[in-house]
PDB file of N, CA and C in Angstrom:
ATOM      1  N   MET A   1       0.856  -1.177   0.008  1.00  0.00           N
ATOM      2  CA  MET A   1       0.001   0.004  -0.001  1.00  0.00           C
ATOM      3  C   MET A   1       0.881   1.252   0.002  1.00  0.00           C
ATOM      4  N   ASN A   2       0.513   2.223  -0.822  1.00  0.00           N
ATOM      5  CA  ASN A   2       1.275   3.438  -0.942  1.00  0.00           C
ATOM      6  C   ASN A   2       1.015   4.322   0.281  1.00  0.00           C
ATOM      7  N   LYS A   3       2.092   4.692   0.969  1.00  0.00           N
ATOM      8  CA  LYS A   3       1.971   5.532   2.174  1.00  0.00           C
ATOM      9  C   LYS A   3       2.497   6.925   1.928  1.00  0.00           C
ATOM     10  N   THR A   4       2.601   7.328   0.676  1.00  0.00           N
ATOM     11  CA  THR A   4       3.015   8.686   0.386  1.00  0.00           C
ATOM     12  C   THR A   4       2.047   9.655   1.009  1.00  0.00           C
ATOM     13  N   THR A   5       2.548  10.711   1.611  1.00  0.00           N
ATOM     14  CA  THR A   5       1.655  11.733   2.172  1.00  0.00           C
ATOM     15  C   THR A   5       1.742  12.977   1.322  1.00  0.00           C
ATOM     16  N   TYR A   6       0.664  13.744   1.402  1.00  0.00           N
ATOM     17  CA  TYR A   6       0.552  14.973   0.627  1.00  0.00           C
ATOM     18  C   TYR A   6       0.149  16.083   1.587  1.00  0.00           C
ATOM     19  N   ARG A   7       0.628  17.304   1.286  1.00  0.00           N
ATOM     20  CA  ARG A   7       0.261  18.448   2.085  1.00  0.00           C
ATOM     21  C   ARG A   7       0.195  19.659   1.210  1.00  0.00           C
ATOM     22  N   ALA A   8      -0.515  20.681   1.661  1.00  0.00           N
ATOM     23  CA  ALA A   8      -0.628  21.917   0.921  1.00  0.00           C
ATOM     24  C   ALA A   8       0.727  22.613   0.883  1.00  0.00           C
ATOM     25  N   ASN A   9       1.077  23.166  -0.262  1.00  0.00           N
ATOM     26  CA  ASN A   9       2.289  23.952  -0.404  1.00  0.00           C
ATOM     27  C   ASN A   9       2.059  25.256   0.399  1.00  0.00           C
ATOM     28  N   GLU A  10       2.948  25.528   1.343  1.00  0.00           N
ATOM     29  CA  GLU A  10       2.775  26.663   2.247  1.00  0.00           C
ATOM     30  C   GLU A  10       2.790  28.040   1.571  1.00  0.00           C
ATOM     31  N   VAL A  11       3.312  28.150   0.351  1.00  0.00           N
ATOM     32  CA  VAL A  11       3.312  29.437  -0.325  1.00  0.00           C
ATOM     33  C   VAL A  11       1.955  29.720  -0.993  1.00  0.00           C
ATOM     34  N   VAL A  12       1.139  28.705  -1.127  1.00  0.00           N
ATOM     35  CA  VAL A  12      -0.163  28.854  -1.789  1.00  0.00           C
ATOM     36  C   VAL A  12      -1.185  29.485  -0.878  1.00  0.00           C
ATOM     37  N   SER A  13      -1.877  30.523  -1.378  1.00  0.00           N
ATOM     38  CA  SER A  13      -2.956  31.125  -0.588  1.00  0.00           C
ATOM     39  C   SER A  13      -4.293  30.604  -1.113  1.00  0.00           C
ATOM     40  N   CYS A  14      -5.269  30.617  -0.213  1.00  0.00           N
ATOM     41  CA  CYS A  14      -6.589  30.083  -0.503  1.00  0.00           C
ATOM     42  C   CYS A  14      -7.611  31.160  -0.170  1.00  0.00           C
ATOM     43  N   ALA A  15      -8.421  31.529  -1.158  1.00  0.00           N
ATOM     44  CA  ALA A  15      -9.494  32.494  -0.944  1.00  0.00           C
ATOM     45  C   ALA A  15     -10.811  31.801  -1.156  1.00  0.00           C
ATOM     46  N   ASP A  16     -11.657  31.768  -0.134  1.00  0.00           N
ATOM     47  CA  ASP A  16     -12.958  31.146  -0.266  1.00  0.00           C
ATOM     48  C   ASP A  16     -13.857  31.964  -1.186  1.00  0.00           C
ATOM     49  N   GLU A  17     -14.623  31.253  -1.969  1.00  0.00           N
ATOM     50  CA  GLU A  17     -15.555  31.859  -2.928  1.00  0.00           C
ATOM     51  C   GLU A  17     -17.014  31.513  -2.549  1.00  0.00           C
ATOM     52  N   ASP A  18     -17.394  31.848  -1.348  1.00  0.00           N
ATOM     53  CA  ASP A  18     -18.726  31.535  -0.838  1.00  0.00           C
ATOM     54  C   ASP A  18     -19.009  30.015  -0.966  1.00  0.00           C
ATOM     55  N   GLU A  19     -20.216  29.664  -1.376  1.00  0.00           N
ATOM     56  CA  GLU A  19     -20.556  28.256  -1.490  1.00  0.00           C
ATOM     57  C   GLU A  19     -20.015  27.607  -2.752  1.00  0.00           C
ATOM     58  N   ASP A  20     -19.321  28.389  -3.588  1.00  0.00           N
ATOM     59  CA  ASP A  20     -18.780  27.891  -4.851  1.00  0.00           C
ATOM     60  C   ASP A  20     -17.440  27.191  -4.718  1.00  0.00           C
ATOM     61  N   GLY A  21     -16.817  27.203  -3.577  1.00  0.00           N
ATOM     62  CA  GLY A  21     -15.515  26.607  -3.397  1.00  0.00           C
ATOM     63  C   GLY A  21     -14.468  27.583  -3.005  1.00  0.00           C
ATOM     64  N   ALA A  22     -13.308  27.567  -3.698  1.00  0.00           N
ATOM     65  CA  ALA A  22     -12.209  28.431  -3.340  1.00  0.00           C
ATOM     66  C   ALA A  22     -11.279  28.607  -4.538  1.00  0.00           C
ATOM     67  N   LEU A  23     -10.458  29.629  -4.408  1.00  0.00           N
ATOM     68  CA  LEU A  23      -9.439  29.923  -5.408  1.00  0.00           C
ATOM     69  C   LEU A  23      -8.088  29.787  -4.747  1.00  0.00           C
ATOM     70  N   LEU A  24      -7.223  28.960  -5.352  1.00  0.00           N
ATOM     71  CA  LEU A  24      -5.842  28.807  -4.862  1.00  0.00           C
ATOM     72  C   LEU A  24      -4.919  29.657  -5.744  1.00  0.00           C
ATOM     73  N   TYR A  25      -3.928  30.266  -5.105  1.00  0.00           N
ATOM     74  CA  TYR A  25      -2.952  31.063  -5.847  1.00  0.00           C
ATOM     75  C   TYR A  25      -1.567  30.725  -5.403  1.00  0.00           C
ATOM     76  N   ASN A  26      -0.712  30.372  -6.373  1.00  0.00           N
ATOM     77  CA  ASN A  26       0.688  30.095  -6.092  1.00  0.00           C
ATOM     78  C   ASN A  26       1.509  31.267  -6.651  1.00  0.00           C
ATOM     79  N   PRO A  27       2.028  32.163  -5.771  1.00  0.00           N
ATOM     80  CA  PRO A  27       2.766  33.348  -6.260  1.00  0.00           C
ATOM     81  C   PRO A  27       4.104  32.978  -6.916  1.00  0.00           C
ATOM     82  N   ASP A  28       4.694  31.848  -6.553  1.00  0.00           N
ATOM     83  CA  ASP A  28       5.967  31.429  -7.173  1.00  0.00           C
ATOM     84  C   ASP A  28       5.781  31.101  -8.649  1.00  0.00           C
ATOM     85  N   ARG A  29       4.602  30.605  -9.010  1.00  0.00           N
ATOM     86  CA  ARG A  29       4.323  30.196 -10.385  1.00  0.00           C
ATOM     87  C   ARG A  29       3.348  31.155 -11.074  1.00  0.00           C
ATOM     88  N   ASP A  30       2.788  32.110 -10.299  1.00  0.00           N
ATOM     89  CA  ASP A  30       1.751  33.013 -10.800  1.00  0.00           C
ATOM     90  C   ASP A  30       0.627  32.226 -11.471  1.00  0.00           C
ATOM     91  N   GLU A  31       0.171  31.200 -10.739  1.00  0.00           N
ATOM     92  CA  GLU A  31      -0.906  30.322 -11.226  1.00  0.00           C
ATOM     93  C   GLU A  31      -2.043  30.280 -10.222  1.00  0.00           C
ATOM     94  N   THR A  32      -3.233  30.101 -10.759  1.00  0.00           N
ATOM     95  CA  THR A  32      -4.417  29.945  -9.907  1.00  0.00           C
ATOM     96  C   THR A  32      -5.140  28.668 -10.294  1.00  0.00           C
ATOM     97  N   VAL A  33      -5.878  28.147  -9.314  1.00  0.00           N
ATOM     98  CA  VAL A  33      -6.715  26.964  -9.518  1.00  0.00           C
ATOM     99  C   VAL A  33      -8.024  27.224  -8.787  1.00  0.00           C
ATOM    100  N   LEU A  34      -9.111  26.910  -9.440  1.00  0.00           N
ATOM    101  CA  LEU A  34     -10.429  27.039  -8.819  1.00  0.00           C
ATOM    102  C   LEU A  34     -10.855  25.668  -8.276  1.00  0.00           C
ATOM    103  N   LEU A  35     -11.248  25.625  -7.000  1.00  0.00           N
ATOM    104  CA  LEU A  35     -11.706  24.394  -6.380  1.00  0.00           C
ATOM    105  C   LEU A  35     -13.200  24.438  -6.170  1.00  0.00           C
ATOM    106  N   ASN A  36     -13.857  23.295  -6.399  1.00  0.00           N
ATOM    107  CA  ASN A  36     -15.275  23.185  -6.048  1.00  0.00           C
ATOM    108  C   ASN A  36     -15.362  22.977  -4.556  1.00  0.00           C
ATOM    109  N   PRO A  37     -16.580  22.938  -3.994  1.00  0.00           N
ATOM    110  CA  PRO A  37     -16.674  22.771  -2.536  1.00  0.00           C
ATOM    111  C   PRO A  37     -16.023  21.506  -1.999  1.00  0.00           C
ATOM    112  N   THR A  38     -16.070  20.406  -2.734  1.00  0.00           N
ATOM    113  CA  THR A  38     -15.405  19.187  -2.286  1.00  0.00           C
ATOM    114  C   THR A  38     -13.892  19.377  -2.280  1.00  0.00           C
ATOM    115  N   GLY A  39     -13.359  19.979  -3.334  1.00  0.00           N
ATOM    116  CA  GLY A  39     -11.957  20.253  -3.400  1.00  0.00           C
ATOM    117  C   GLY A  39     -11.522  21.196  -2.255  1.00  0.00           C
ATOM    118  N   ARG A  40     -12.384  22.135  -1.920  1.00  0.00           N
ATOM    119  CA  ARG A  40     -12.063  23.052  -0.831  1.00  0.00           C
ATOM    120  C   ARG A  40     -11.972  22.311   0.493  1.00  0.00           C
ATOM    121  N   SER A  41     -12.867  21.371   0.716  1.00  0.00           N
ATOM    122  CA  SER A  41     -12.816  20.596   1.956  1.00  0.00           C
ATOM    123  C   SER A  41     -11.579  19.715   2.001  1.00  0.00           C
ATOM    124  N   ILE A  42     -11.192  19.169   0.872  1.00  0.00           N
ATOM    125  CA  ILE A  42      -9.963  18.357   0.829  1.00  0.00           C
ATOM    126  C   ILE A  42      -8.761  19.268   1.073  1.00  0.00           C
ATOM    127  N   TRP A  43      -8.758  20.462   0.492  1.00  0.00           N
ATOM    128  CA  TRP A  43      -7.648  21.383   0.697  1.00  0.00           C
ATOM    129  C   TRP A  43      -7.449  21.669   2.180  1.00  0.00           C
ATOM    130  N   ALA A  44      -8.547  21.849   2.905  1.00  0.00           N
ATOM    131  CA  ALA A  44      -8.457  22.092   4.338  1.00  0.00           C
ATOM    132  C   ALA A  44      -7.771  20.934   5.058  1.00  0.00           C
ATOM    133  N   LEU A  45      -8.043  19.691   4.597  1.00  0.00           N
ATOM    134  CA  LEU A  45      -7.373  18.527   5.204  1.00  0.00           C
ATOM    135  C   LEU A  45      -5.862  18.567   5.003  1.00  0.00           C
ATOM    136  N   LEU A  46      -5.457  19.133   3.889  1.00  0.00           N
ATOM    137  CA  LEU A  46      -4.044  19.104   3.512  1.00  0.00           C
ATOM    138  C   LEU A  46      -3.185  20.118   4.291  1.00  0.00           C
ATOM    139  N   ALA A  47      -3.742  20.737   5.304  1.00  0.00           N
ATOM    140  CA  ALA A  47      -2.962  21.584   6.186  1.00  0.00           C
ATOM    141  C   ALA A  47      -1.945  20.712   6.935  1.00  0.00           C
ATOM    142  N   ALA A  48      -2.257  19.445   7.077  1.00  0.00           N
ATOM    143  CA  ALA A  48      -1.350  18.467   7.672  1.00  0.00           C
ATOM    144  C   ALA A  48      -1.150  17.356   6.651  1.00  0.00           C
ATOM    145  N   PRO A  49      -0.022  16.652   6.729  1.00  0.00           N
ATOM    146  CA  PRO A  49       0.200  15.592   5.764  1.00  0.00           C
ATOM    147  C   PRO A  49      -0.899  14.523   5.801  1.00  0.00           C
ATOM    148  N   ARG A  50      -1.380  14.108   4.655  1.00  0.00           N
ATOM    149  CA  ARG A  50      -2.449  13.099   4.536  1.00  0.00           C
ATOM    150  C   ARG A  50      -2.084  12.117   3.435  1.00  0.00           C
ATOM    151  N   THR A  51      -2.519  10.879   3.610  1.00  0.00           N
ATOM    152  CA  THR A  51      -2.373   9.884   2.567  1.00  0.00           C
ATOM    153  C   THR A  51      -3.616   9.932   1.681  1.00  0.00           C
ATOM    154  N   LEU A  52      -3.527   9.246   0.509  1.00  0.00           N
ATOM    155  CA  LEU A  52      -4.712   9.125  -0.333  1.00  0.00           C
ATOM    156  C   LEU A  52      -5.842   8.421   0.420  1.00  0.00           C
ATOM    157  N   ASP A  53      -5.477   7.468   1.249  1.00  0.00           N
ATOM    158  CA  ASP A  53      -6.492   6.739   2.054  1.00  0.00           C
ATOM    159  C   ASP A  53      -7.208   7.717   3.001  1.00  0.00           C
ATOM    160  N   ASP A  54      -6.456   8.634   3.609  1.00  0.00           N
ATOM    161  CA  ASP A  54      -7.062   9.633   4.505  1.00  0.00           C
ATOM    162  C   ASP A  54      -8.076  10.493   3.727  1.00  0.00           C
ATOM    163  N   ILE A  55      -7.665  10.917   2.532  1.00  0.00           N
ATOM    164  CA  ILE A  55      -8.524  11.777   1.727  1.00  0.00           C
ATOM    165  C   ILE A  55      -9.752  11.005   1.263  1.00  0.00           C
ATOM    166  N   ALA A  56      -9.563   9.768   0.825  1.00  0.00           N
ATOM    167  CA  ALA A  56     -10.694   8.925   0.389  1.00  0.00           C
ATOM    168  C   ALA A  56     -11.669   8.728   1.568  1.00  0.00           C
ATOM    169  N   GLY A  57     -11.139   8.534   2.746  1.00  0.00           N
ATOM    170  CA  GLY A  57     -11.992   8.385   3.921  1.00  0.00           C
ATOM    171  C   GLY A  57     -12.842   9.621   4.166  1.00  0.00           C
ATOM    172  N   HIS A  58     -12.238  10.794   3.964  1.00  0.00           N
ATOM    173  CA  HIS A  58     -12.976  12.064   4.122  1.00  0.00           C
ATOM    174  C   HIS A  58     -14.110  12.144   3.090  1.00  0.00           C
ATOM    175  N   ILE A  59     -13.788  11.764   1.848  1.00  0.00           N
ATOM    176  CA  ILE A  59     -14.805  11.818   0.803  1.00  0.00           C
ATOM    177  C   ILE A  59     -15.972  10.878   1.102  1.00  0.00           C
ATOM    178  N   THR A  60     -15.684   9.646   1.523  1.00  0.00           N
ATOM    179  CA  THR A  60     -16.757   8.695   1.787  1.00  0.00           C
ATOM    180  C   THR A  60     -17.545   9.097   3.047  1.00  0.00           C
ATOM    181  N   ALA A  61     -16.900   9.725   3.984  1.00  0.00           N
ATOM    182  CA  ALA A  61     -17.625  10.224   5.172  1.00  0.00           C
ATOM    183  C   ALA A  61     -18.570  11.378   4.823  1.00  0.00           C
ATOM    184  N   THR A  62     -18.134  12.212   3.870  1.00  0.00           N
ATOM    185  CA  THR A  62     -18.921  13.356   3.456  1.00  0.00           C
ATOM    186  C   THR A  62     -20.015  12.963   2.489  1.00  0.00           C
ATOM    187  N   TYR A  63     -19.718  12.007   1.622  1.00  0.00           N
ATOM    188  CA  TYR A  63     -20.655  11.544   0.599  1.00  0.00           C
ATOM    189  C   TYR A  63     -20.832  10.024   0.730  1.00  0.00           C
ATOM    190  N   PRO A  64     -21.716   9.565   1.597  1.00  0.00           N
ATOM    191  CA  PRO A  64     -21.853   8.113   1.855  1.00  0.00           C
ATOM    192  C   PRO A  64     -22.208   7.287   0.626  1.00  0.00           C
ATOM    193  N   SER A  65     -22.788   7.875  -0.409  1.00  0.00           N
ATOM    194  CA  SER A  65     -23.128   7.114  -1.598  1.00  0.00           C
ATOM    195  C   SER A  65     -21.919   6.835  -2.495  1.00  0.00           C
ATOM    196  N   VAL A  66     -20.808   7.466  -2.213  1.00  0.00           N
ATOM    197  CA  VAL A  66     -19.574   7.250  -2.995  1.00  0.00           C
ATOM    198  C   VAL A  66     -18.842   6.035  -2.438  1.00  0.00           C
ATOM    199  N   THR A  67     -18.465   5.104  -3.302  1.00  0.00           N
ATOM    200  CA  THR A  67     -17.745   3.920  -2.868  1.00  0.00           C
ATOM    201  C   THR A  67     -16.307   4.270  -2.518  1.00  0.00           C
ATOM    202  N   ARG A  68     -15.696   3.456  -1.726  1.00  0.00           N
ATOM    203  CA  ARG A  68     -14.307   3.687  -1.338  1.00  0.00           C
ATOM    204  C   ARG A  68     -13.393   3.677  -2.581  1.00  0.00           C
ATOM    205  N   GLU A  69     -13.664   2.807  -3.493  1.00  0.00           N
ATOM    206  CA  GLU A  69     -12.869   2.706  -4.723  1.00  0.00           C
ATOM    207  C   GLU A  69     -12.955   4.007  -5.518  1.00  0.00           C
ATOM    208  N   GLN A  70     -14.188   4.514  -5.688  1.00  0.00           N
ATOM    209  CA  GLN A  70     -14.373   5.759  -6.416  1.00  0.00           C
ATOM    210  C   GLN A  70     -13.737   6.937  -5.687  1.00  0.00           C
ATOM    211  N   ALA A  71     -13.872   6.960  -4.344  1.00  0.00           N
ATOM    212  CA  ALA A  71     -13.273   8.025  -3.548  1.00  0.00           C
ATOM    213  C   ALA A  71     -11.759   8.012  -3.682  1.00  0.00           C
ATOM    214  N   THR A  72     -11.138   6.863  -3.719  1.00  0.00           N
ATOM    215  CA  THR A  72      -9.694   6.745  -3.861  1.00  0.00           C
ATOM    216  C   THR A  72      -9.273   7.235  -5.235  1.00  0.00           C
ATOM    217  N   GLN A  73     -10.012   6.886  -6.258  1.00  0.00           N
ATOM    218  CA  GLN A  73      -9.715   7.342  -7.624  1.00  0.00           C
ATOM    219  C   GLN A  73      -9.841   8.859  -7.713  1.00  0.00           C
ATOM    220  N   ASP A  74     -10.926   9.380  -7.129  1.00  0.00           N
ATOM    221  CA  ASP A  74     -11.149  10.826  -7.154  1.00  0.00           C
ATOM    222  C   ASP A  74     -10.071  11.573  -6.365  1.00  0.00           C
ATOM    223  N   ALA A  75      -9.679  11.037  -5.229  1.00  0.00           N
ATOM    224  CA  ALA A  75      -8.635  11.664  -4.406  1.00  0.00           C
ATOM    225  C   ALA A  75      -7.319  11.697  -5.175  1.00  0.00           C
ATOM    226  N   ASP A  76      -6.992  10.587  -5.847  1.00  0.00           N
ATOM    227  CA  ASP A  76      -5.749  10.520  -6.628  1.00  0.00           C
ATOM    228  C   ASP A  76      -5.793  11.526  -7.759  1.00  0.00           C
ATOM    229  N   LYS A  77      -6.880  11.604  -8.461  1.00  0.00           N
ATOM    230  CA  LYS A  77      -7.025  12.558  -9.574  1.00  0.00           C
ATOM    231  C   LYS A  77      -6.883  13.990  -9.090  1.00  0.00           C
ATOM    232  N   PHE A  78      -7.502  14.287  -7.947  1.00  0.00           N
ATOM    233  CA  PHE A  78      -7.405  15.639  -7.376  1.00  0.00           C
ATOM    234  C   PHE A  78      -5.960  15.971  -7.019  1.00  0.00           C
ATOM    235  N   ILE A  79      -5.292  15.083  -6.312  1.00  0.00           N
ATOM    236  CA  ILE A  79      -3.897  15.304  -5.895  1.00  0.00           C
ATOM    237  C   ILE A  79      -3.006  15.450  -7.129  1.00  0.00           C
ATOM    238  N   GLN A  80      -3.145  14.575  -8.086  1.00  0.00           N
ATOM    239  CA  GLN A  80      -2.304  14.629  -9.292  1.00  0.00           C
ATOM    240  C   GLN A  80      -2.467  15.935 -10.044  1.00  0.00           C
ATOM    241  N   SER A  81      -3.695  16.484 -10.000  1.00  0.00           N
ATOM    242  CA  SER A  81      -3.945  17.758 -10.702  1.00  0.00           C
ATOM    243  C   SER A  81      -3.257  18.930 -10.033  1.00  0.00           C
ATOM    244  N   LEU A  82      -2.899  18.789  -8.763  1.00  0.00           N
ATOM    245  CA  LEU A  82      -2.303  19.878  -8.014  1.00  0.00           C
ATOM    246  C   LEU A  82      -0.806  19.701  -7.751  1.00  0.00           C
ATOM    247  N   LEU A  83      -0.244  18.562  -8.076  1.00  0.00           N
ATOM    248  CA  LEU A  83       1.191  18.332  -7.920  1.00  0.00           C
ATOM    249  C   LEU A  83       1.934  18.999  -9.053  1.00  0.00           C
ATOM    250  N   PRO A  84       3.110  19.540  -8.871  1.00  0.00           N
ATOM    251  CA  PRO A  84       3.821  19.755  -7.608  1.00  0.00           C
ATOM    252  C   PRO A  84       3.687  21.186  -7.113  1.00  0.00           C
ATOM    253  N   ASP A  85       2.947  22.030  -7.834  1.00  0.00           N
ATOM    254  CA  ASP A  85       2.930  23.469  -7.519  1.00  0.00           C
ATOM    255  C   ASP A  85       2.021  23.849  -6.373  1.00  0.00           C
ATOM    256  N   PHE A  86       0.957  23.094  -6.170  1.00  0.00           N
ATOM    257  CA  PHE A  86      -0.012  23.438  -5.132  1.00  0.00           C
ATOM    258  C   PHE A  86       0.024  22.458  -3.956  1.00  0.00           C
ATOM    259  N   VAL A  87       0.328  21.207  -4.264  1.00  0.00           N
ATOM    260  CA  VAL A  87       0.425  20.163  -3.242  1.00  0.00           C
ATOM    261  C   VAL A  87       1.794  19.535  -3.339  1.00  0.00           C
ATOM    262  N   LEU A  88       2.404  19.288  -2.187  1.00  0.00           N
ATOM    263  CA  LEU A  88       3.733  18.656  -2.123  1.00  0.00           C
ATOM    264  C   LEU A  88       3.584  17.236  -1.608  1.00  0.00           C
ATOM    265  N   SER A  89       4.367  16.328  -2.194  1.00  0.00           N
ATOM    266  CA  SER A  89       4.377  14.936  -1.686  1.00  0.00           C
ATOM    267  C   SER A  89       5.543  14.786  -0.748  1.00  0.00           C
ATOM    268  N   GLU A  90       5.402  13.896   0.220  1.00  0.00           N
ATOM    269  CA  GLU A  90       6.409  13.740   1.267  1.00  0.00           C
ATOM    270  C   GLU A  90       6.906  12.305   1.426  1.00  0.00           C
ATOM    271  N   GLY A  91       6.928  11.531   0.355  1.00  0.00           N
ATOM    272  CA  GLY A  91       7.500  10.188   0.409  1.00  0.00           C
ATOM    273  C   GLY A  91       6.670   9.262   1.275  1.00  0.00           C
ATOM    274  N   GLU A  92       7.284   8.188   1.727  1.00  0.00           N
ATOM    275  CA  GLU A  92       6.599   7.160   2.498  1.00  0.00           C
ATOM    276  C   GLU A  92       6.321   7.641   3.914  1.00  0.00           C
ATOM    277  N   ALA A  93       5.074   7.546   4.352  1.00  0.00           N
ATOM    278  CA  ALA A  93       4.705   7.885   5.751  1.00  0.00           C
ATOM    279  C   ALA A  93       5.364   6.903   6.705  1.00  0.00           C
ATOM    280  N   GLY A  94       5.910   7.400   7.764  1.00  0.00           N
ATOM    281  CA  GLY A  94       6.480   6.514   8.770  1.00  0.00           C
ATOM    282  C   GLY A  94       7.836   5.972   8.428  1.00  0.00           C
ATOM    283  N   ASP A  95       8.486   6.499   7.398  1.00  0.00           N
ATOM    284  CA  ASP A  95       9.806   5.946   7.031  1.00  0.00           C
ATOM    285  C   ASP A  95      10.939   6.669   7.764  1.00  0.00           C
ATOM    286  N   GLY A  96      10.611   7.602   8.661  1.00  0.00           N
ATOM    287  CA  GLY A  96      11.639   8.275   9.451  1.00  0.00           C
ATOM    288  C   GLY A  96      12.346   9.393   8.750  1.00  0.00           C
ATOM    289  N   ARG A  97      11.917   9.745   7.553  1.00  0.00           N
ATOM    290  CA  ARG A  97      12.582  10.830   6.811  1.00  0.00           C
ATOM    291  C   ARG A  97      11.847  12.116   6.942  1.00  0.00           C
TER     292      ARG A  97
END
């Protein structure tokens, strides 16, 4: 099982857009990303290092009709879309590094 953890890049700012989600801005890249409300809730989780399993668990807890398999796929797609400029990966969790 992959124990890579992910966390929000600390240089990225997040501006809430009411019920529509949020806008992320990376000043180092001068890039923005618009998040829907689900993406915004996942972004909040990424204040601390999280695994894909942690994120999938959040999705299934928030949306009980979503299967764990679908939640894991969605979490992976979300993270991959934000790597490496908005989300940073931190290698294997618990490997002492």
